[in-house]
């Protein structure tokens, strides 16, 4: 199974749509010359966008390992068992669903909606004292039925695969230490060769450290030389 790890996305909000558009474009272009079918797409919550999920799932037939970004959720928080809590801190009752294309609208009503006791609401909410037969607050929560919402992010499998992103970030940090971000050369072939040498250097350090039995020093050339 091929795993594709995207770098951490820590940008100002105005730049995020542009970067995400570029990320999707890179996936599409890469898939034309390198088969990404069944890929594991691993990225941080900055990439929590439906277009990326849909492309990976529907076009590449792969799986996404992306945490949910709370900024992308318009719903109020629900309890662990999927219920909404009213302003008085009382769990509301579910009262039917409406089905739409791509999402479900869950209706919640006051626990005392059919009560005749005017003192049942602890905060005497105006909607409870409305003089109607069905009293109290009514709220709605949107339940998505798409691929993004179906992912079990609490599973051991998700956490194990997502851990590869952290390992990738460590590698990126070591590669950055080689100071290859500055373009000392001009044409694309030279830049490609320079980056290739960088990867060979890091892999060589790791192989030498492992062969010498110095597993703690395989991440750093300086540490390996000092221990030699």
Protein backbone atom coordinates (compact mmCIF):
# COMPACT_ATOMS: atom_id res chain seq x y z
CA UNK A 1 0.00 0.00 0.00
CA UNK A 2 1.47 3.34 -1.09
CA UNK A 3 1.33 6.08 1.54
CA UNK A 4 1.48 9.71 0.46
CA UNK A 5 2.33 12.11 3.30
CA UNK A 6 1.67 15.81 2.78
CA UNK A 7 3.61 18.43 4.80
CA UNK A 8 2.04 20.33 7.66
CA UNK A 9 -0.11 23.25 6.54
CA UNK A 10 0.47 26.19 8.91
CA UNK A 11 -0.55 29.26 6.95
CA UNK A 12 -2.66 32.35 7.29
CA UNK A 13 -6.35 31.56 6.57
CA UNK A 14 -6.47 33.72 3.37
CA UNK A 15 -3.70 31.59 1.81
CA UNK A 16 -5.18 28.19 2.68
CA UNK A 17 -7.68 27.92 -0.23
CA UNK A 18 -4.87 28.62 -2.72
CA UNK A 19 -2.52 26.06 -1.15
CA UNK A 20 -5.27 23.42 -1.04
CA UNK A 21 -6.03 24.09 -4.71
CA UNK A 22 -2.35 23.54 -5.51
CA UNK A 23 -2.32 20.34 -3.41
CA UNK A 24 -5.23 18.91 -5.39
CA UNK A 25 -3.58 19.95 -8.65
CA UNK A 26 -0.35 18.19 -7.64
CA UNK A 27 -2.29 15.00 -6.88
CA UNK A 28 -3.95 15.10 -10.29
CA UNK A 29 -0.70 15.76 -12.16
CA UNK A 30 1.26 13.14 -10.21
CA UNK A 31 -1.39 10.52 -10.87
CA UNK A 32 -0.91 11.00 -14.62
CA UNK A 33 2.71 9.81 -14.59
CA UNK A 34 2.81 7.77 -11.35
CA UNK A 35 -0.06 5.48 -10.46
CA UNK A 36 -1.53 6.60 -7.11
CA UNK A 37 -4.32 4.04 -7.08
CA UNK A 38 -5.20 2.74 -3.58
CA UNK A 39 -2.98 5.39 -1.98
CA UNK A 40 -3.11 6.32 1.72
CA UNK A 41 -3.31 10.10 1.78
CA UNK A 42 -1.91 11.32 5.13
CA UNK A 43 -2.08 14.99 6.08
CA UNK A 44 -2.83 17.28 9.02
CA UNK A 45 -6.18 18.98 9.68
CA UNK A 46 -5.27 21.86 7.38
CA UNK A 47 -6.19 19.54 4.49
CA UNK A 48 -9.63 18.71 5.91
CA UNK A 49 -11.48 19.65 2.71
CA UNK A 50 -14.17 17.60 0.99
CA UNK A 51 -12.66 17.99 -2.49
CA UNK A 52 -9.49 16.23 -1.37
CA UNK A 53 -11.46 13.43 0.30
CA UNK A 54 -13.63 12.93 -2.77
CA UNK A 55 -10.68 12.89 -5.16
CA UNK A 56 -8.70 10.37 -3.10
CA UNK A 57 -11.74 8.15 -2.59
CA UNK A 58 -13.57 8.37 -5.91
CA UNK A 59 -10.69 8.80 -8.36
CA UNK A 60 -7.73 7.14 -6.65
CA UNK A 61 -9.84 4.59 -4.69
CA UNK A 62 -7.60 5.28 -1.71
CA UNK A 63 -8.09 6.25 1.92
CA UNK A 64 -7.63 9.56 3.74
CA UNK A 65 -6.02 9.89 7.14
CA UNK A 66 -6.81 13.50 8.05
CA UNK A 67 -8.01 14.75 11.45
CA UNK A 68 -11.18 16.82 11.54
CA UNK A 69 -10.73 20.57 11.52
CA UNK A 70 -13.20 22.06 13.99
CA UNK A 71 -13.25 25.28 11.99
CA UNK A 72 -14.96 23.38 9.17
CA UNK A 73 -17.83 22.28 11.42
CA UNK A 74 -20.84 24.56 11.84
CA UNK A 75 -22.65 22.26 14.26
CA UNK A 76 -22.76 22.91 17.99
CA UNK A 77 -20.94 20.24 20.02
CA UNK A 78 -22.81 16.99 20.63
CA UNK A 79 -22.51 14.53 23.49
CA UNK A 80 -20.49 11.33 23.01
CA UNK A 81 -23.69 9.43 22.22
CA UNK A 82 -24.80 11.98 19.61
CA UNK A 83 -27.25 14.22 21.46
CA UNK A 84 -27.49 18.00 21.65
CA UNK A 85 -27.57 19.84 24.98
CA UNK A 86 -29.85 22.83 25.53
CA UNK A 87 -28.92 26.14 27.19
CA UNK A 88 -29.97 24.70 30.55
CA UNK A 89 -27.44 21.87 30.20
CA UNK A 90 -30.10 19.20 29.66
CA UNK A 91 -29.80 16.53 26.97
CA UNK A 92 -32.42 17.12 24.27
CA UNK A 93 -34.52 14.44 22.57
CA UNK A 94 -34.19 13.32 18.98
CA UNK A 95 -37.33 14.04 16.97
CA UNK A 96 -36.88 12.70 13.47
CA UNK A 97 -34.57 13.29 10.51
CA UNK A 98 -34.78 14.98 7.14
CA UNK A 99 -32.76 13.42 4.32
CA UNK A 100 -31.07 15.56 1.70
CA UNK A 101 -28.49 14.96 -1.01
CA UNK A 102 -25.19 14.46 0.84
CA UNK A 103 -26.37 15.18 4.38
CA UNK A 104 -29.01 14.42 7.02
CA UNK A 105 -30.73 17.02 9.19
CA UNK A 106 -31.36 15.71 12.72
CA UNK A 107 -34.03 17.48 14.76
CA UNK A 108 -33.75 17.86 18.55
CA UNK A 109 -36.52 19.03 20.87
CA UNK A 110 -36.76 19.99 24.54
CA UNK A 111 -36.90 17.09 26.98
CA UNK A 112 -40.02 18.65 28.52
CA UNK A 113 -41.72 19.52 25.22
CA UNK A 114 -44.96 17.80 26.25
CA UNK A 115 -44.84 18.69 29.93
CA UNK A 116 -47.58 20.78 31.54
CA UNK A 117 -45.31 21.80 34.40
CA UNK A 118 -44.22 25.44 33.95
CA UNK A 119 -41.35 24.95 36.41
CA UNK A 120 -39.77 22.00 34.58
CA UNK A 121 -37.28 24.21 32.72
CA UNK A 122 -34.58 25.21 35.26
CA UNK A 123 -33.80 28.51 33.49
CA UNK A 124 -37.42 29.42 32.56
CA UNK A 125 -36.49 29.83 28.91
CA UNK A 126 -38.93 32.06 26.94
CA UNK A 127 -39.49 29.31 24.38
CA UNK A 128 -40.60 26.97 27.15
CA UNK A 129 -43.07 29.49 28.52
CA UNK A 130 -44.68 30.07 25.10
CA UNK A 131 -48.12 28.79 26.05
CA UNK A 132 -48.12 26.20 23.25
CA UNK A 133 -48.81 22.48 23.44
CA UNK A 134 -45.31 21.59 22.20
CA UNK A 135 -43.02 23.84 24.20
CA UNK A 136 -39.32 24.41 24.56
CA UNK A 137 -36.35 24.84 22.26
CA UNK A 138 -35.92 23.15 18.90
CA UNK A 139 -32.47 22.70 17.39
CA UNK A 140 -30.97 20.97 14.38
CA UNK A 141 -27.67 19.26 13.65
CA UNK A 142 -26.32 18.45 10.20
CA UNK A 143 -25.11 14.87 9.88
CA UNK A 144 -22.98 14.39 6.79
CA UNK A 145 -23.34 11.12 4.93
CA UNK A 146 -20.22 11.52 2.79
CA UNK A 147 -16.87 9.71 2.93
CA UNK A 148 -15.27 12.39 5.14
CA UNK A 149 -17.75 11.79 7.94
CA UNK A 150 -17.58 8.00 7.71
CA UNK A 151 -13.91 7.79 8.77
CA UNK A 152 -13.35 6.37 12.26
CA UNK A 153 -10.57 8.65 13.52
CA UNK A 154 -10.57 7.01 16.96
CA UNK A 155 -9.61 3.59 15.61
CA UNK A 156 -6.18 2.08 16.27
CA UNK A 157 -5.68 1.60 12.53
CA UNK A 158 -6.23 5.30 11.77
CA UNK A 159 -3.86 6.37 14.55
CA UNK A 160 -1.18 3.89 13.46
CA UNK A 161 -1.21 5.07 9.85
CA UNK A 162 -1.46 8.75 10.78
CA UNK A 163 1.67 8.33 12.92
CA UNK A 164 3.61 8.07 9.66
CA UNK A 165 3.02 11.79 9.15
CA UNK A 166 5.02 12.57 12.29
CA UNK A 167 7.87 10.38 11.07
CA UNK A 168 7.75 12.16 7.72
CA UNK A 169 7.93 15.56 9.43
CA UNK A 170 11.06 14.42 11.26
CA UNK A 171 12.64 13.43 7.95
CA UNK A 172 11.68 16.79 6.43
CA UNK A 173 13.34 18.51 9.38
CA UNK A 174 16.59 16.60 8.81
CA UNK A 175 16.43 17.34 5.08
CA UNK A 176 15.88 21.04 5.82
CA UNK A 177 19.06 21.03 7.91
CA UNK A 178 21.02 20.32 4.70
CA UNK A 179 20.17 23.89 3.62
CA UNK A 180 18.79 22.85 0.23
CA UNK A 181 15.88 25.27 0.40
CA UNK A 182 18.05 27.98 -1.16
CA UNK A 183 18.47 27.45 -4.89
CA UNK A 184 22.24 27.47 -5.49
CA UNK A 185 21.62 26.18 -8.99
CA UNK A 186 19.36 27.52 -11.72
CA UNK A 187 17.72 24.89 -13.92
CA UNK A 188 15.21 22.25 -12.85
CA UNK A 189 17.51 19.30 -13.62
CA UNK A 190 20.21 20.70 -11.35
CA UNK A 191 17.69 21.30 -8.57
CA UNK A 192 16.43 17.71 -8.95
CA UNK A 193 19.98 16.35 -8.80
CA UNK A 194 20.78 18.44 -5.72
CA UNK A 195 17.71 17.11 -3.90
CA UNK A 196 18.58 13.56 -4.95
CA UNK A 197 22.03 13.95 -3.39
CA UNK A 198 20.37 15.19 -0.22
CA UNK A 199 18.16 12.11 0.06
CA UNK A 200 21.13 9.83 -0.67
CA UNK A 201 23.06 11.55 2.13
CA UNK A 202 20.32 11.01 4.70
CA UNK A 203 19.77 7.39 3.67
CA UNK A 204 23.53 6.72 3.79
CA UNK A 205 23.78 8.10 7.33
CA UNK A 206 20.90 5.87 8.43
CA UNK A 207 22.38 2.74 6.80
CA UNK A 208 25.86 3.34 8.29
CA UNK A 209 24.42 3.95 11.77
CA UNK A 210 22.37 0.75 11.62
CA UNK A 211 25.33 -1.32 10.35
CA UNK A 212 27.47 0.01 13.20
CA UNK A 213 24.73 -0.76 15.69
CA UNK A 214 24.38 2.89 16.68
CA UNK A 215 20.63 3.14 16.25
CA UNK A 216 20.33 6.33 18.30
CA UNK A 217 22.57 8.28 15.88
CA UNK A 218 20.98 7.37 12.53
CA UNK A 219 19.04 10.66 12.45
CA UNK A 220 22.08 12.94 12.53
CA UNK A 221 25.41 12.94 10.64
CA UNK A 222 27.04 15.09 13.34
CA UNK A 223 25.94 12.73 16.13
CA UNK A 224 27.20 9.73 14.15
CA UNK A 225 30.61 11.33 13.57
CA UNK A 226 30.96 12.29 17.23
CA UNK A 227 30.21 8.73 18.33
CA UNK A 228 32.66 7.19 15.88
